[in-house]
Amino acid sequence: MPHDSDQAVDAIRFEDRPPPVADFIAMRAACGWGELSPELAAAALDGCLLAITAHDAQGRIAGFLRAIGDPLYLYVQDAIIAPELRGSGLGTRMMQRLLARIDADFPAAHVMLMCAKGRERFYSELGFEARPSRDFGPGMQRLR
């Protein structure tokens, strides 16, 4: 359902937990990330160390993101914002909230992510550095 961007962002309510399985599946599919079975989606959500879910004033999911890993290495996964709220500042607020939780709960953790092409600036403004860099080689991904 559509959100009125300005009013919706002003009325956002955050929860420090993953979204319901059905919403997780629907939002991933809407972003073109493919279909998931409810069982696989539930297992993925159960594996989160931290999660932030945003709801609008009507209780609809406005966005979510999650962190997976262990106390030394955390990966930000599935950062999804409702299309009509992209560019509204909601993603920044959610990432700032997640990073504050990581700093408080996992102070020794290295935080990493793989961003969608074209989103590098968004993450660099939050303190992330593109790889390869002066100190690190390129990130790698196993292809199947």
C-alpha atoms as a PDB file:
ATOM      1  CA  MET A   1       0.000   0.000   0.000  1.00  0.00           C
ATOM      2  CA  PRO A   2       1.306   3.470  -0.762  1.00  0.00           C
ATOM      3  CA  HIS A   3       2.650   5.782   1.913  1.00  0.00           C
ATOM      4  CA  ASP A   4       2.503   9.568   1.786  1.00  0.00           C
ATOM      5  CA  SER A   5       6.258  10.087   2.056  1.00  0.00           C
ATOM      6  CA  ASP A   6       6.527  13.147   4.330  1.00  0.00           C
ATOM      7  CA  GLN A   7       3.771  12.140   6.735  1.00  0.00           C
ATOM      8  CA  ALA A   8       4.877   8.515   6.771  1.00  0.00           C
ATOM      9  CA  VAL A   9       8.469   9.343   7.721  1.00  0.00           C
ATOM     10  CA  ASP A  10       7.302  11.651  10.509  1.00  0.00           C
ATOM     11  CA  ALA A  11       5.143   8.865  11.958  1.00  0.00           C
ATOM     12  CA  ILE A  12       7.645   5.984  11.669  1.00  0.00           C
ATOM     13  CA  ARG A  13       7.848   3.608  14.610  1.00  0.00           C
ATOM     14  CA  PHE A  14      10.924   1.392  14.977  1.00  0.00           C
ATOM     15  CA  GLU A  15      11.136  -2.064  16.470  1.00  0.00           C
ATOM     16  CA  ASP A  16      14.384  -3.831  17.288  1.00  0.00           C
ATOM     17  CA  ARG A  17      13.290  -7.125  15.781  1.00  0.00           C
ATOM     18  CA  PRO A  18      12.941  -8.708  12.350  1.00  0.00           C
ATOM     19  CA  PRO A  19       9.789  -8.246  10.285  1.00  0.00           C
ATOM     20  CA  PRO A  20       7.161 -10.986  10.097  1.00  0.00           C
ATOM     21  CA  VAL A  21       8.085 -13.763   7.663  1.00  0.00           C
ATOM     22  CA  ALA A  22       5.351 -12.837   5.153  1.00  0.00           C
ATOM     23  CA  ASP A  23       6.509  -9.192   5.016  1.00  0.00           C
ATOM     24  CA  PHE A  24      10.148 -10.265   4.652  1.00  0.00           C
ATOM     25  CA  ILE A  25       9.233 -12.483   1.694  1.00  0.00           C
ATOM     26  CA  ALA A  26       7.017  -9.841   0.051  1.00  0.00           C
ATOM     27  CA  MET A  27       9.496  -6.966   0.353  1.00  0.00           C
ATOM     28  CA  ARG A  28      12.426  -9.048  -0.944  1.00  0.00           C
ATOM     29  CA  ALA A  29      10.330 -10.184  -3.923  1.00  0.00           C
ATOM     30  CA  ALA A  30       9.200  -6.601  -4.612  1.00  0.00           C
ATOM     31  CA  CYS A  31      12.872  -5.579  -4.841  1.00  0.00           C
ATOM     32  CA  GLY A  32      13.566  -8.309  -7.366  1.00  0.00           C
ATOM     33  CA  TRP A  33      15.569 -10.431  -4.935  1.00  0.00           C
ATOM     34  CA  GLY A  34      13.616 -13.578  -5.753  1.00  0.00           C
ATOM     35  CA  GLU A  35      11.086 -15.736  -3.987  1.00  0.00           C
ATOM     36  CA  LEU A  36      11.770 -17.509  -0.697  1.00  0.00           C
ATOM     37  CA  SER A  37       9.883 -20.318   0.960  1.00  0.00           C
ATOM     38  CA  PRO A  38       8.416 -19.450   4.366  1.00  0.00           C
ATOM     39  CA  GLU A  39      10.729 -22.042   5.943  1.00  0.00           C
ATOM     40  CA  LEU A  40      13.877 -20.527   4.424  1.00  0.00           C
ATOM     41  CA  ALA A  41      12.732 -16.995   5.273  1.00  0.00           C
ATOM     42  CA  ALA A  42      12.018 -17.985   8.890  1.00  0.00           C
ATOM     43  CA  ALA A  43      15.440 -19.627   9.214  1.00  0.00           C
ATOM     44  CA  ALA A  44      17.126 -16.498   7.809  1.00  0.00           C
ATOM     45  CA  LEU A  45      15.273 -14.240  10.239  1.00  0.00           C
ATOM     46  CA  ASP A  46      16.023 -16.565  13.157  1.00  0.00           C
ATOM     47  CA  GLY A  47      19.733 -16.167  12.327  1.00  0.00           C
ATOM     48  CA  CYS A  48      19.771 -12.398  12.848  1.00  0.00           C
ATOM     49  CA  LEU A  49      21.880 -10.997  15.643  1.00  0.00           C
ATOM     50  CA  LEU A  50      20.217  -7.598  15.291  1.00  0.00           C
ATOM     51  CA  ALA A  51      17.312  -6.312  13.244  1.00  0.00           C
ATOM     52  CA  ILE A  52      15.446  -3.049  12.804  1.00  0.00           C
ATOM     53  CA  THR A  53      11.920  -2.943  11.377  1.00  0.00           C
ATOM     54  CA  ALA A  54      10.149   0.332  10.590  1.00  0.00           C
ATOM     55  CA  HIS A  55       6.349   0.645  10.599  1.00  0.00           C
ATOM     56  CA  ASP A  56       4.234   3.531   9.383  1.00  0.00           C
ATOM     57  CA  ALA A  57       1.323   5.019  11.349  1.00  0.00           C
ATOM     58  CA  GLN A  58      -1.016   2.310  10.003  1.00  0.00           C
ATOM     59  CA  GLY A  59       1.352  -0.472  11.085  1.00  0.00           C
ATOM     60  CA  ARG A  60       2.538  -1.314   7.553  1.00  0.00           C
ATOM     61  CA  ILE A  61       6.169  -2.301   7.053  1.00  0.00           C
ATOM     62  CA  ALA A  62       8.088   0.730   5.787  1.00  0.00           C
ATOM     63  CA  GLY A  63      11.495  -0.956   5.822  1.00  0.00           C
ATOM     64  CA  PHE A  64      13.807  -3.349   7.568  1.00  0.00           C
ATOM     65  CA  LEU A  65      17.409  -4.345   7.836  1.00  0.00           C
ATOM     66  CA  ARG A  66      19.293  -6.966   9.761  1.00  0.00           C
ATOM     67  CA  ALA A  67      22.794  -7.881  10.878  1.00  0.00           C
ATOM     68  CA  ILE A  68      24.155 -11.414  10.820  1.00  0.00           C
ATOM     69  CA  GLY A  69      27.453 -12.820  12.034  1.00  0.00           C
ATOM     70  CA  ASP A  70      29.185 -13.045  15.389  1.00  0.00           C
ATOM     71  CA  PRO A  71      30.633 -10.635  17.982  1.00  0.00           C
ATOM     72  CA  LEU A  72      33.742 -10.003  15.838  1.00  0.00           C
ATOM     73  CA  TYR A  73      32.280  -9.782  12.322  1.00  0.00           C
ATOM     74  CA  LEU A  74      28.835  -8.464  11.480  1.00  0.00           C
ATOM     75  CA  TYR A  75      27.306  -8.161   8.031  1.00  0.00           C
ATOM     76  CA  VAL A  76      24.424  -5.832   7.249  1.00  0.00           C
ATOM     77  CA  GLN A  77      21.931  -7.791   5.140  1.00  0.00           C
ATOM     78  CA  ASP A  78      18.623  -7.111   3.451  1.00  0.00           C
ATOM     79  CA  ALA A  79      18.443  -3.349   3.889  1.00  0.00           C
ATOM     80  CA  ILE A  80      15.075  -2.723   2.225  1.00  0.00           C
ATOM     81  CA  ILE A  81      13.003   0.459   2.239  1.00  0.00           C
ATOM     82  CA  ALA A  82       9.509   0.674   0.719  1.00  0.00           C
ATOM     83  CA  PRO A  83       9.987   2.143  -2.790  1.00  0.00           C
ATOM     84  CA  GLU A  84       7.851   5.204  -2.106  1.00  0.00           C
ATOM     85  CA  LEU A  85       9.998   6.074   0.949  1.00  0.00           C
ATOM     86  CA  ARG A  86      13.407   5.781  -0.716  1.00  0.00           C
ATOM     87  CA  GLY A  87      15.210   9.101  -0.554  1.00  0.00           C
ATOM     88  CA  SER A  88      13.140  10.220   2.454  1.00  0.00           C
ATOM     89  CA  GLY A  89      15.915   9.713   5.031  1.00  0.00           C
ATOM     90  CA  LEU A  90      14.337   6.566   6.452  1.00  0.00           C
ATOM     91  CA  GLY A  91      17.220   4.334   5.342  1.00  0.00           C
ATOM     92  CA  THR A  92      19.736   6.652   6.994  1.00  0.00           C
ATOM     93  CA  ARG A  93      17.762   6.678  10.244  1.00  0.00           C
ATOM     94  CA  MET A  94      17.511   2.894  10.228  1.00  0.00           C
ATOM     95  CA  MET A  95      21.232   2.410   9.533  1.00  0.00           C
ATOM     96  CA  GLN A  96      22.164   4.921  12.247  1.00  0.00           C
ATOM     97  CA  ARG A  97      19.970   3.032  14.701  1.00  0.00           C
ATOM     98  CA  LEU A  98      21.500  -0.318  13.718  1.00  0.00           C
ATOM     99  CA  LEU A  99      25.065   1.015  13.933  1.00  0.00           C
ATOM    100  CA  ALA A 100      24.366   2.505  17.389  1.00  0.00           C
ATOM    101  CA  ARG A 101      23.089  -0.890  18.548  1.00  0.00           C
ATOM    102  CA  ILE A 102      26.164  -2.597  17.098  1.00  0.00           C
ATOM    103  CA  ASP A 103      28.464  -0.110  18.861  1.00  0.00           C
ATOM    104  CA  ALA A 104      26.659  -0.739  22.164  1.00  0.00           C
ATOM    105  CA  ASP A 105      26.199  -4.521  21.934  1.00  0.00           C
ATOM    106  CA  PHE A 106      29.216  -5.584  19.828  1.00  0.00           C
ATOM    107  CA  PRO A 107      31.937  -2.944  20.378  1.00  0.00           C
ATOM    108  CA  ALA A 108      34.718  -5.150  18.917  1.00  0.00           C
ATOM    109  CA  ALA A 109      32.819  -6.005  15.728  1.00  0.00           C
ATOM    110  CA  HIS A 110      33.991  -5.189  12.230  1.00  0.00           C
ATOM    111  CA  VAL A 111      30.876  -4.214  10.273  1.00  0.00           C
ATOM    112  CA  MET A 112      30.690  -5.062   6.583  1.00  0.00           C
ATOM    113  CA  LEU A 113      28.142  -5.113   3.791  1.00  0.00           C
ATOM    114  CA  MET A 114      27.735  -5.521   0.075  1.00  0.00           C
ATOM    115  CA  CYS A 115      25.692  -2.724  -1.414  1.00  0.00           C
ATOM    116  CA  ALA A 116      23.697  -2.533  -4.591  1.00  0.00           C
ATOM    117  CA  LYS A 117      25.408  -0.822  -7.502  1.00  0.00           C
ATOM    118  CA  GLY A 118      24.924   2.921  -7.246  1.00  0.00           C
ATOM    119  CA  ARG A 119      24.380   2.916  -3.454  1.00  0.00           C
ATOM    120  CA  GLU A 120      28.059   3.366  -2.515  1.00  0.00           C
ATOM    121  CA  ARG A 121      27.651   7.030  -1.574  1.00  0.00           C
ATOM    122  CA  PHE A 122      24.793   6.253   0.820  1.00  0.00           C
ATOM    123  CA  TYR A 123      26.975   3.826   2.766  1.00  0.00           C
ATOM    124  CA  SER A 124      30.171   5.906   2.587  1.00  0.00           C
ATOM    125  CA  GLU A 125      28.259   8.761   4.254  1.00  0.00           C
ATOM    126  CA  LEU A 126      27.620   6.334   7.132  1.00  0.00           C
ATOM    127  CA  GLY A 127      31.333   5.553   7.521  1.00  0.00           C
ATOM    128  CA  PHE A 128      31.752   2.565   5.199  1.00  0.00           C
ATOM    129  CA  GLU A 129      34.687   2.376   2.793  1.00  0.00           C
ATOM    130  CA  ALA A 130      34.527   0.846  -0.671  1.00  0.00           C
ATOM    131  CA  ARG A 131      36.900  -2.012  -1.370  1.00  0.00           C
ATOM    132  CA  PRO A 132      39.526  -2.437  -2.568  1.00  0.00           C
ATOM    133  CA  SER A 133      41.027   0.284  -0.407  1.00  0.00           C
ATOM    134  CA  ARG A 134      44.431   1.238   0.931  1.00  0.00           C
ATOM    135  CA  ASP A 135      44.295  -1.507   3.577  1.00  0.00           C
ATOM    136  CA  PHE A 136      41.959  -4.124   2.106  1.00  0.00           C
ATOM    137  CA  GLY A 137      41.613  -6.059  -1.123  1.00  0.00           C
ATOM    138  CA  PRO A 138      38.319  -6.433  -2.962  1.00  0.00           C
ATOM    139  CA  GLY A 139      35.427  -8.222  -1.349  1.00  0.00           C
ATOM    140  CA  MET A 140      34.771 -11.643  -2.777  1.00  0.00           C
ATOM    141  CA  GLN A 141      31.650 -13.664  -3.450  1.00  0.00           C
ATOM    142  CA  ARG A 142      31.314 -17.329  -4.334  1.00  0.00           C
ATOM    143  CA  LEU A 143      29.460 -17.799  -7.618  1.00  0.00           C
ATOM    144  CA  ARG A 144      27.357 -20.885  -8.302  1.00  0.00           C
END
